[in-house]
N, C-alpha and C. Protein backbone atom coordinates (compact mmCIF):
# COMPACT_ATOMS: atom_id res chain seq x y z
N MET A 1 -10.26 -11.55 9.49
CA MET A 1 -10.32 -10.80 8.26
C MET A 1 -11.05 -11.65 7.21
N THR A 2 -11.74 -11.02 6.32
CA THR A 2 -12.54 -11.75 5.34
C THR A 2 -11.80 -11.96 4.03
N SER A 3 -12.33 -12.85 3.24
CA SER A 3 -11.80 -13.08 1.90
C SER A 3 -12.79 -12.50 0.89
N TYR A 4 -12.28 -12.02 -0.21
CA TYR A 4 -13.14 -11.47 -1.24
C TYR A 4 -12.46 -11.56 -2.59
N ILE A 5 -13.22 -11.33 -3.65
CA ILE A 5 -12.72 -11.41 -5.01
C ILE A 5 -12.96 -10.07 -5.71
N LEU A 6 -11.92 -9.53 -6.29
CA LEU A 6 -12.03 -8.34 -7.13
C LEU A 6 -12.18 -8.83 -8.56
N GLU A 7 -13.28 -8.48 -9.21
CA GLU A 7 -13.54 -8.95 -10.57
C GLU A 7 -13.32 -7.84 -11.59
N GLN A 8 -12.97 -8.27 -12.81
CA GLN A 8 -12.77 -7.35 -13.93
C GLN A 8 -11.69 -6.31 -13.63
N VAL A 9 -10.58 -6.78 -13.06
CA VAL A 9 -9.47 -5.89 -12.72
C VAL A 9 -8.65 -5.63 -13.97
N ARG A 10 -8.57 -4.36 -14.33
CA ARG A 10 -7.72 -3.97 -15.47
C ARG A 10 -6.40 -3.45 -14.91
N MET A 11 -5.30 -4.09 -15.31
CA MET A 11 -3.98 -3.70 -14.81
C MET A 11 -3.21 -2.99 -15.91
N ILE A 12 -2.41 -2.03 -15.49
CA ILE A 12 -1.56 -1.34 -16.46
C ILE A 12 -0.63 -2.35 -17.09
N GLY A 13 -0.57 -2.39 -18.40
CA GLY A 13 0.28 -3.32 -19.12
C GLY A 13 -0.36 -4.68 -19.36
N GLY A 14 -1.53 -4.92 -18.81
CA GLY A 14 -2.23 -6.20 -19.00
C GLY A 14 -3.19 -6.10 -20.16
N SER A 15 -3.41 -7.19 -20.85
CA SER A 15 -4.28 -7.15 -22.02
C SER A 15 -5.73 -7.48 -21.68
N GLU A 16 -5.97 -8.45 -20.82
CA GLU A 16 -7.32 -8.88 -20.47
C GLU A 16 -7.59 -8.62 -19.00
N PRO A 17 -8.83 -8.25 -18.65
CA PRO A 17 -9.17 -8.12 -17.23
C PRO A 17 -9.04 -9.46 -16.51
N VAL A 18 -8.66 -9.42 -15.24
CA VAL A 18 -8.49 -10.63 -14.44
C VAL A 18 -9.31 -10.50 -13.15
N SER A 19 -9.39 -11.59 -12.42
CA SER A 19 -10.00 -11.59 -11.09
C SER A 19 -8.90 -11.86 -10.08
N ILE A 20 -9.00 -11.18 -8.94
CA ILE A 20 -7.98 -11.31 -7.89
C ILE A 20 -8.64 -11.80 -6.62
N LEU A 21 -8.12 -12.90 -6.07
CA LEU A 21 -8.60 -13.44 -4.81
C LEU A 21 -7.76 -12.87 -3.68
N VAL A 22 -8.41 -12.24 -2.71
CA VAL A 22 -7.73 -11.65 -1.57
C VAL A 22 -8.17 -12.41 -0.32
N GLU A 23 -7.19 -13.00 0.38
CA GLU A 23 -7.45 -13.73 1.62
C GLU A 23 -6.56 -13.19 2.72
N GLU A 24 -7.17 -12.91 3.86
CA GLU A 24 -6.44 -12.38 5.02
C GLU A 24 -5.65 -11.12 4.66
N GLY A 25 -6.21 -10.28 3.81
CA GLY A 25 -5.58 -9.02 3.47
C GLY A 25 -4.45 -9.10 2.45
N MET A 26 -4.21 -10.28 1.88
CA MET A 26 -3.14 -10.44 0.90
C MET A 26 -3.67 -11.10 -0.37
N ILE A 27 -3.10 -10.73 -1.50
CA ILE A 27 -3.48 -11.37 -2.77
C ILE A 27 -2.98 -12.80 -2.74
N SER A 28 -3.90 -13.76 -2.90
CA SER A 28 -3.49 -15.16 -2.87
C SER A 28 -3.53 -15.81 -4.25
N ALA A 29 -4.30 -15.23 -5.19
CA ALA A 29 -4.35 -15.82 -6.54
C ALA A 29 -4.87 -14.78 -7.53
N ILE A 30 -4.37 -14.88 -8.75
CA ILE A 30 -4.85 -14.06 -9.86
C ILE A 30 -5.17 -15.00 -11.01
N ARG A 31 -6.41 -14.97 -11.45
CA ARG A 31 -6.86 -15.84 -12.55
C ARG A 31 -7.83 -15.08 -13.43
N SER A 32 -8.23 -15.74 -14.51
CA SER A 32 -9.22 -15.10 -15.38
C SER A 32 -10.57 -15.00 -14.69
N SER A 33 -10.90 -15.96 -13.81
CA SER A 33 -12.14 -15.91 -13.02
C SER A 33 -12.07 -16.93 -11.89
N PHE A 34 -12.98 -16.79 -10.94
CA PHE A 34 -13.12 -17.73 -9.82
C PHE A 34 -14.60 -18.13 -9.75
N PRO A 35 -15.08 -18.93 -10.70
CA PRO A 35 -16.51 -19.21 -10.77
C PRO A 35 -17.07 -20.04 -9.61
N HIS A 36 -16.26 -20.88 -8.98
CA HIS A 36 -16.77 -21.79 -7.95
C HIS A 36 -16.54 -21.29 -6.52
N TYR A 37 -15.95 -20.12 -6.38
CA TYR A 37 -15.70 -19.58 -5.05
C TYR A 37 -16.93 -18.80 -4.59
N ARG A 38 -17.24 -18.89 -3.30
CA ARG A 38 -18.42 -18.21 -2.76
C ARG A 38 -18.02 -17.09 -1.80
N PHE A 39 -17.14 -16.23 -2.28
CA PHE A 39 -16.72 -15.08 -1.48
C PHE A 39 -17.44 -13.83 -1.97
N MET A 40 -17.43 -12.80 -1.16
CA MET A 40 -17.97 -11.52 -1.56
C MET A 40 -17.19 -11.05 -2.80
N ARG A 41 -17.88 -10.44 -3.74
CA ARG A 41 -17.24 -10.01 -4.99
C ARG A 41 -17.45 -8.52 -5.20
N GLY A 42 -16.47 -7.92 -5.82
CA GLY A 42 -16.57 -6.50 -6.15
C GLY A 42 -16.12 -6.27 -7.58
N ASP A 43 -16.94 -5.58 -8.35
CA ASP A 43 -16.59 -5.25 -9.74
C ASP A 43 -15.81 -3.95 -9.74
N VAL A 44 -14.55 -4.01 -10.13
CA VAL A 44 -13.69 -2.82 -10.13
C VAL A 44 -13.35 -2.39 -11.56
N SER A 45 -14.22 -2.74 -12.52
CA SER A 45 -13.95 -2.42 -13.93
C SER A 45 -13.81 -0.92 -14.21
N PRO A 46 -14.42 -0.01 -13.44
CA PRO A 46 -14.22 1.42 -13.73
C PRO A 46 -12.81 1.91 -13.38
N PHE A 47 -12.02 1.09 -12.68
CA PHE A 47 -10.70 1.51 -12.22
C PHE A 47 -9.59 0.76 -12.95
N VAL A 48 -8.39 1.33 -12.93
CA VAL A 48 -7.21 0.68 -13.49
C VAL A 48 -6.21 0.51 -12.35
N MET A 49 -5.71 -0.72 -12.16
CA MET A 49 -4.76 -1.01 -11.10
C MET A 49 -3.34 -0.82 -11.64
N GLY A 50 -2.55 -0.09 -10.90
CA GLY A 50 -1.17 0.14 -11.30
C GLY A 50 -0.25 0.00 -10.11
N PRO A 51 1.04 0.06 -10.34
CA PRO A 51 2.00 -0.04 -9.23
C PRO A 51 1.92 1.21 -8.35
N THR A 52 2.31 1.04 -7.09
CA THR A 52 2.32 2.18 -6.18
C THR A 52 3.55 3.04 -6.43
N HIS A 53 3.50 4.26 -5.96
CA HIS A 53 4.64 5.16 -6.06
C HIS A 53 5.33 5.17 -4.71
N VAL A 54 6.60 4.76 -4.68
CA VAL A 54 7.35 4.67 -3.43
C VAL A 54 8.43 5.73 -3.43
N PHE A 55 8.57 6.44 -2.31
CA PHE A 55 9.57 7.49 -2.15
C PHE A 55 10.51 7.08 -1.03
N CYS A 56 11.81 7.15 -1.27
CA CYS A 56 12.80 6.81 -0.25
C CYS A 56 13.70 8.00 -0.02
N ASP A 57 13.78 8.43 1.24
CA ASP A 57 14.65 9.54 1.59
C ASP A 57 15.21 9.29 2.98
N LEU A 58 16.49 9.36 3.13
CA LEU A 58 17.13 9.08 4.41
C LEU A 58 17.23 10.30 5.31
N GLU A 59 16.71 11.44 4.89
CA GLU A 59 16.76 12.66 5.68
C GLU A 59 15.40 12.98 6.31
N TYR A 60 14.61 11.99 6.62
CA TYR A 60 13.24 12.16 7.14
C TYR A 60 13.11 13.17 8.28
N PRO A 61 13.88 13.06 9.34
CA PRO A 61 13.61 13.92 10.50
C PRO A 61 13.68 15.42 10.19
N GLU A 62 14.39 15.81 9.17
CA GLU A 62 14.56 17.23 8.90
C GLU A 62 13.34 17.90 8.30
N TYR A 63 12.67 17.27 7.35
CA TYR A 63 11.62 18.01 6.66
C TYR A 63 10.28 17.31 6.56
N LEU A 64 10.15 16.10 7.06
CA LEU A 64 8.86 15.42 7.02
C LEU A 64 8.16 15.40 8.38
N GLN A 65 8.59 16.26 9.30
CA GLN A 65 8.02 16.21 10.63
C GLN A 65 6.66 16.89 10.72
N HIS A 66 6.30 17.66 9.74
CA HIS A 66 5.02 18.36 9.77
C HIS A 66 4.03 17.65 8.85
N GLN A 67 2.79 17.53 9.28
CA GLN A 67 1.77 16.83 8.51
C GLN A 67 1.58 17.46 7.13
N GLY A 68 1.78 18.76 7.01
CA GLY A 68 1.62 19.43 5.73
C GLY A 68 2.51 18.86 4.65
N SER A 69 3.75 18.51 4.98
CA SER A 69 4.66 17.96 3.98
C SER A 69 4.23 16.55 3.57
N MET A 70 3.63 15.78 4.49
CA MET A 70 3.10 14.46 4.13
C MET A 70 1.96 14.61 3.13
N ASP A 71 1.11 15.61 3.33
CA ASP A 71 0.00 15.84 2.42
C ASP A 71 0.49 16.16 1.01
N GLU A 72 1.63 16.84 0.91
CA GLU A 72 2.19 17.15 -0.41
C GLU A 72 2.55 15.86 -1.16
N TYR A 73 3.12 14.89 -0.47
CA TYR A 73 3.49 13.63 -1.12
C TYR A 73 2.25 12.84 -1.54
N THR A 74 1.26 12.76 -0.66
CA THR A 74 0.07 12.00 -1.03
C THR A 74 -0.70 12.67 -2.15
N ALA A 75 -0.67 13.99 -2.22
CA ALA A 75 -1.34 14.70 -3.31
C ALA A 75 -0.68 14.40 -4.65
N LYS A 76 0.60 14.04 -4.63
CA LYS A 76 1.32 13.71 -5.86
C LYS A 76 1.23 12.22 -6.19
N GLY A 77 0.46 11.45 -5.41
CA GLY A 77 0.26 10.03 -5.70
C GLY A 77 1.20 9.10 -4.96
N CYS A 78 2.01 9.62 -4.06
CA CYS A 78 2.93 8.77 -3.29
C CYS A 78 2.14 8.01 -2.24
N THR A 79 2.25 6.69 -2.24
CA THR A 79 1.51 5.88 -1.28
C THR A 79 2.39 5.27 -0.20
N THR A 80 3.70 5.27 -0.40
CA THR A 80 4.62 4.67 0.55
C THR A 80 5.87 5.53 0.67
N ILE A 81 6.30 5.80 1.89
CA ILE A 81 7.54 6.54 2.12
C ILE A 81 8.46 5.67 2.96
N LEU A 82 9.65 5.40 2.44
CA LEU A 82 10.68 4.66 3.18
C LEU A 82 11.66 5.68 3.72
N THR A 83 12.04 5.53 4.99
CA THR A 83 12.94 6.49 5.58
C THR A 83 13.81 5.83 6.64
N ALA A 84 14.71 6.59 7.21
CA ALA A 84 15.58 6.11 8.29
C ALA A 84 15.52 7.13 9.42
N PHE A 85 15.90 6.71 10.60
CA PHE A 85 15.95 7.62 11.74
C PHE A 85 17.16 7.25 12.58
N PRO A 86 17.72 8.24 13.28
CA PRO A 86 18.93 7.98 14.06
C PRO A 86 18.64 7.24 15.35
N SER A 87 19.57 6.35 15.74
CA SER A 87 19.48 5.65 17.02
C SER A 87 20.89 5.28 17.45
N SER A 88 21.25 5.69 18.65
CA SER A 88 22.60 5.39 19.13
C SER A 88 22.70 4.00 19.76
N MET A 89 21.56 3.45 20.20
CA MET A 89 21.58 2.14 20.84
C MET A 89 20.41 1.31 20.33
N ASN A 90 20.61 0.01 20.19
CA ASN A 90 19.56 -0.88 19.71
C ASN A 90 18.33 -0.89 20.61
N MET A 91 18.52 -0.73 21.93
CA MET A 91 17.37 -0.79 22.83
C MET A 91 16.45 0.42 22.66
N ASN A 92 16.94 1.50 22.06
CA ASN A 92 16.11 2.67 21.81
C ASN A 92 15.35 2.56 20.49
N LEU A 93 15.65 1.55 19.69
CA LEU A 93 15.11 1.44 18.34
C LEU A 93 13.58 1.38 18.32
N ASN A 94 12.97 0.57 19.16
CA ASN A 94 11.51 0.46 19.19
C ASN A 94 10.86 1.78 19.59
N LYS A 95 11.42 2.45 20.58
CA LYS A 95 10.85 3.72 21.04
C LYS A 95 10.92 4.77 19.93
N ILE A 96 12.07 4.92 19.28
CA ILE A 96 12.22 5.92 18.23
C ILE A 96 11.37 5.56 17.02
N GLY A 97 11.36 4.29 16.64
CA GLY A 97 10.55 3.85 15.50
C GLY A 97 9.08 4.09 15.72
N GLY A 98 8.60 3.81 16.91
CA GLY A 98 7.20 4.03 17.23
C GLY A 98 6.83 5.50 17.17
N GLU A 99 7.72 6.37 17.65
CA GLU A 99 7.45 7.81 17.60
C GLU A 99 7.40 8.29 16.15
N SER A 100 8.29 7.82 15.30
CA SER A 100 8.29 8.22 13.90
C SER A 100 7.03 7.73 13.21
N ARG A 101 6.62 6.52 13.48
CA ARG A 101 5.42 5.95 12.86
C ARG A 101 4.19 6.76 13.26
N ARG A 102 4.09 7.15 14.53
CA ARG A 102 2.93 7.92 14.98
C ARG A 102 2.89 9.30 14.31
N ARG A 103 4.04 9.91 14.10
CA ARG A 103 4.07 11.23 13.46
C ARG A 103 3.52 11.18 12.06
N CYS A 104 3.75 10.06 11.37
CA CYS A 104 3.32 9.94 9.97
C CYS A 104 1.84 9.60 9.86
N ASN A 105 1.24 8.98 10.83
CA ASN A 105 -0.15 8.55 10.73
C ASN A 105 -1.12 9.65 10.96
């Protein structure tokens, strides 16, 4: 995975734009600038960065089994859904979890 720098990042609640260094898919540093780094850079000044919208519901199997209901959440800005699924035995956990994950993708 590559490293890159997001420049002129405006964050909700922040006063000054910052630069964000992303390494191996994770934010590794936030500073006013990274002048001596030679990574690919992207100017994101037209955008505003804010927190994600997370939805948690423990009744997943009942009403989120159809792709249409997932589209409703994403249309409302939801980027992450936390849920639970039933399992009577620990050895079945990977199989059930994998099936639930595939349904959502």
